[in-house]
Amino acid sequence: EYRYRVPGEYGAIDIFTLGSDGEEGGVDSAADIGSWSRD
């Protein structure tokens, strides 16, 4: 599930997912991924 925030904290629009657990934070497959992430 993707979410978006306008205005974004990191740009005009932030697009992000909370990972496999659906909660903020997490590691591996449960890690959050956002349009501002560069990993």
N, C-alpha and C. Protein backbone atom coordinates (compact mmCIF):
# COMPACT_ATOMS: atom_id res chain seq x y z
N GLU A 1 0.85 -1.17 0.00
CA GLU A 1 0.00 0.00 0.00
C GLU A 1 0.89 1.23 0.00
N TYR A 2 0.65 2.12 -0.94
CA TYR A 2 1.40 3.36 -1.02
C TYR A 2 0.57 4.50 -0.45
N ARG A 3 1.25 5.44 0.13
CA ARG A 3 0.60 6.63 0.69
C ARG A 3 1.29 7.85 0.11
N TYR A 4 0.62 8.97 0.17
CA TYR A 4 1.26 10.20 -0.28
C TYR A 4 0.90 11.34 0.66
N ARG A 5 1.77 12.36 0.64
CA ARG A 5 1.60 13.52 1.50
C ARG A 5 1.88 14.76 0.66
N VAL A 6 0.93 15.70 0.65
CA VAL A 6 1.06 16.96 -0.09
C VAL A 6 0.66 18.10 0.83
N PRO A 7 1.48 19.08 1.08
CA PRO A 7 2.87 19.12 0.65
C PRO A 7 3.69 18.10 1.44
N GLY A 8 4.77 17.66 0.84
CA GLY A 8 5.62 16.67 1.48
C GLY A 8 6.60 17.29 2.45
N GLU A 9 7.19 16.46 3.27
CA GLU A 9 8.25 16.90 4.18
C GLU A 9 9.59 16.97 3.46
N TYR A 10 9.76 16.17 2.39
CA TYR A 10 11.04 16.06 1.70
C TYR A 10 11.02 16.63 0.29
N GLY A 11 9.86 17.01 -0.19
CA GLY A 11 9.68 17.56 -1.52
C GLY A 11 8.25 18.03 -1.67
N ALA A 12 7.87 18.40 -2.90
CA ALA A 12 6.51 18.86 -3.13
C ALA A 12 5.49 17.77 -2.80
N ILE A 13 5.83 16.53 -3.14
CA ILE A 13 4.97 15.37 -2.85
C ILE A 13 5.84 14.25 -2.31
N ASP A 14 5.45 13.65 -1.20
CA ASP A 14 6.13 12.46 -0.67
C ASP A 14 5.27 11.24 -0.98
N ILE A 15 5.87 10.22 -1.56
CA ILE A 15 5.19 8.94 -1.80
C ILE A 15 5.95 7.90 -0.98
N PHE A 16 5.22 7.11 -0.21
CA PHE A 16 5.90 6.17 0.68
C PHE A 16 5.03 4.96 0.98
N THR A 17 5.67 3.92 1.49
CA THR A 17 4.99 2.73 1.98
C THR A 17 5.55 2.40 3.36
N LEU A 18 4.73 1.83 4.20
CA LEU A 18 5.16 1.49 5.55
C LEU A 18 5.78 0.10 5.63
N GLY A 19 5.99 -0.56 4.51
CA GLY A 19 6.62 -1.87 4.50
C GLY A 19 5.63 -2.98 4.79
N SER A 20 6.14 -4.20 4.92
CA SER A 20 5.27 -5.37 5.05
C SER A 20 4.46 -5.41 6.33
N ASP A 21 4.93 -4.72 7.38
CA ASP A 21 4.18 -4.76 8.64
C ASP A 21 3.12 -3.67 8.74
N GLY A 22 3.13 -2.69 7.83
CA GLY A 22 2.13 -1.64 7.83
C GLY A 22 2.27 -0.63 8.95
N GLU A 23 3.42 -0.61 9.63
CA GLU A 23 3.66 0.32 10.72
C GLU A 23 4.95 1.09 10.47
N GLU A 24 5.05 2.28 11.09
CA GLU A 24 6.25 3.09 10.91
C GLU A 24 7.47 2.37 11.47
N GLY A 25 8.62 2.58 10.80
CA GLY A 25 9.86 1.94 11.22
C GLY A 25 9.96 0.54 10.65
N GLY A 26 10.83 -0.25 11.22
CA GLY A 26 10.98 -1.63 10.77
C GLY A 26 12.30 -1.85 10.06
N VAL A 27 12.65 -3.11 9.90
CA VAL A 27 13.88 -3.50 9.22
C VAL A 27 13.57 -4.55 8.17
N ASP A 28 14.50 -4.76 7.26
CA ASP A 28 14.38 -5.73 6.17
C ASP A 28 13.08 -5.49 5.39
N SER A 29 12.24 -6.50 5.19
CA SER A 29 11.03 -6.32 4.38
C SER A 29 10.00 -5.43 5.06
N ALA A 30 10.14 -5.20 6.35
CA ALA A 30 9.21 -4.34 7.09
C ALA A 30 9.67 -2.88 7.09
N ALA A 31 10.82 -2.58 6.48
CA ALA A 31 11.34 -1.21 6.47
C ALA A 31 10.48 -0.30 5.61
N ASP A 32 10.32 0.95 6.07
CA ASP A 32 9.60 1.95 5.30
C ASP A 32 10.43 2.36 4.09
N ILE A 33 9.75 2.65 2.99
CA ILE A 33 10.42 3.10 1.78
C ILE A 33 9.70 4.34 1.29
N GLY A 34 10.48 5.39 1.01
CA GLY A 34 9.87 6.63 0.53
C GLY A 34 10.55 7.13 -0.72
N SER A 35 9.89 8.04 -1.40
CA SER A 35 10.44 8.62 -2.63
C SER A 35 11.73 9.38 -2.36
N TRP A 36 12.02 9.70 -1.13
CA TRP A 36 13.23 10.42 -0.76
C TRP A 36 14.35 9.45 -0.35
N SER A 37 14.05 8.15 -0.19
CA SER A 37 15.05 7.16 0.21
C SER A 37 16.02 6.90 -0.93
N ARG A 38 17.29 6.76 -0.62
CA ARG A 38 18.31 6.56 -1.65
C ARG A 38 19.11 5.29 -1.43
N ASP A 39 18.56 4.29 -0.71
CA ASP A 39 19.30 3.05 -0.42
C ASP A 39 19.14 2.03 -1.50
